[in-house]
Structures are given as structure tokens and as C-alpha cells.
């Protein structure tokens, strides 16, 4: 994510970069040392999507400040 946005690693935390999703559970976070998007915890497909054929988790990346 940091590379795609053209940000250096210190800028990722200083810019107020946040990952948001629906619901209470935060499934994704930005790794502080690499700037990579990683899973925050184990994702259980059966619990999330039950009998749906296609399971999609959506999230938004919010960057506050100048880029």
C-alpha cells in the first residue's frame, strides 16, 4: 500500500492512513515496518459467508493529510 501510494514508511503512520471495513471486526491492518496490507486476525469463511458461493470482504483505505 505504501509503495502504491508513493509514501515512505514513516509517512504511512504520520499521514493517518487507516483501513476501515463493515462491522466491528477489523480484518486488515497496515504492517508498520513494511507498509503491506495484512490480515489482522484469522478469517473464517464459513462464519462470514455461510452458504454463499462467493465470499468477498471489502475494506477502504483512508489517507488523511497531503499526499
Protein backbone atom coordinates (compact mmCIF):
# COMPACT_ATOMS: atom_id res chain seq x y z
CA UNK A 1 0.00 0.00 0.00
CA UNK A 2 2.79 2.41 0.90
CA UNK A 3 4.52 1.71 -2.43
CA UNK A 4 1.27 2.11 -4.42
CA UNK A 5 0.58 5.46 -2.75
CA UNK A 6 4.17 6.64 -3.17
CA UNK A 7 4.65 7.04 0.59
CA UNK A 8 7.78 6.34 2.58
CA UNK A 9 7.25 4.13 5.65
CA UNK A 10 7.32 6.94 8.26
CA UNK A 11 4.69 8.76 6.19
CA UNK A 12 2.29 5.81 6.45
CA UNK A 13 1.80 6.31 10.18
CA UNK A 14 2.26 10.10 10.09
CA UNK A 15 -0.34 10.56 7.33
CA UNK A 16 -3.11 8.95 9.32
CA UNK A 17 -3.55 6.01 6.95
CA UNK A 18 -6.43 3.85 8.16
CA UNK A 19 -8.13 0.69 6.96
CA UNK A 20 -11.87 0.53 7.57
CA UNK A 21 -14.42 -2.18 6.95
CA UNK A 22 -18.01 -3.01 7.71
CA UNK A 23 -18.94 -4.32 11.11
CA UNK A 24 -16.98 -4.39 14.33
CA UNK A 25 -14.21 -6.75 13.33
CA UNK A 26 -11.10 -5.22 11.78
CA UNK A 27 -9.83 -7.90 9.37
CA UNK A 28 -6.99 -5.93 7.77
CA UNK A 29 -4.22 -3.62 9.02
CA UNK A 30 -1.15 -1.96 7.57
CA UNK A 31 2.11 -3.53 8.70
CA UNK A 32 4.07 -0.71 10.34
CA UNK A 33 7.52 -1.74 9.11
CA UNK A 34 6.69 -2.77 5.53
CA UNK A 35 3.56 -0.81 4.61
CA UNK A 36 1.92 -4.03 3.40
CA UNK A 37 -1.78 -4.77 3.82
CA UNK A 38 -2.02 -7.85 6.07
CA UNK A 39 -4.77 -9.75 7.86
CA UNK A 40 -5.29 -8.62 11.43
CA UNK A 41 -6.68 -11.95 12.59
CA UNK A 42 -7.80 -15.31 11.27
CA UNK A 43 -10.65 -15.05 8.75
CA UNK A 44 -13.25 -17.82 8.97
CA UNK A 45 -15.06 -18.05 5.63
CA UNK A 46 -17.82 -20.34 6.92
CA UNK A 47 -18.61 -17.92 9.74
CA UNK A 48 -18.63 -14.86 7.48
CA UNK A 49 -20.37 -16.13 4.36
CA UNK A 50 -22.10 -19.32 5.45
CA UNK A 51 -23.75 -20.82 2.36
CA UNK A 52 -22.87 -18.09 -0.16
CA UNK A 53 -20.98 -19.25 -3.24
CA UNK A 54 -18.76 -16.16 -3.39
CA UNK A 55 -17.25 -14.61 -0.26
CA UNK A 56 -15.98 -11.01 -0.51
CA UNK A 57 -14.51 -8.84 2.25
CA UNK A 58 -14.47 -5.17 1.39
CA UNK A 59 -12.36 -2.54 3.09
CA UNK A 60 -11.49 1.09 2.49
CA UNK A 61 -8.16 2.82 2.80
CA UNK A 62 -8.38 6.35 4.18
CA UNK A 63 -5.39 8.69 3.98
CA UNK A 64 -5.61 11.92 5.93
CA UNK A 65 -3.34 14.84 5.11
CA UNK A 66 -1.38 15.62 1.99
CA UNK A 67 -0.07 13.04 -0.43
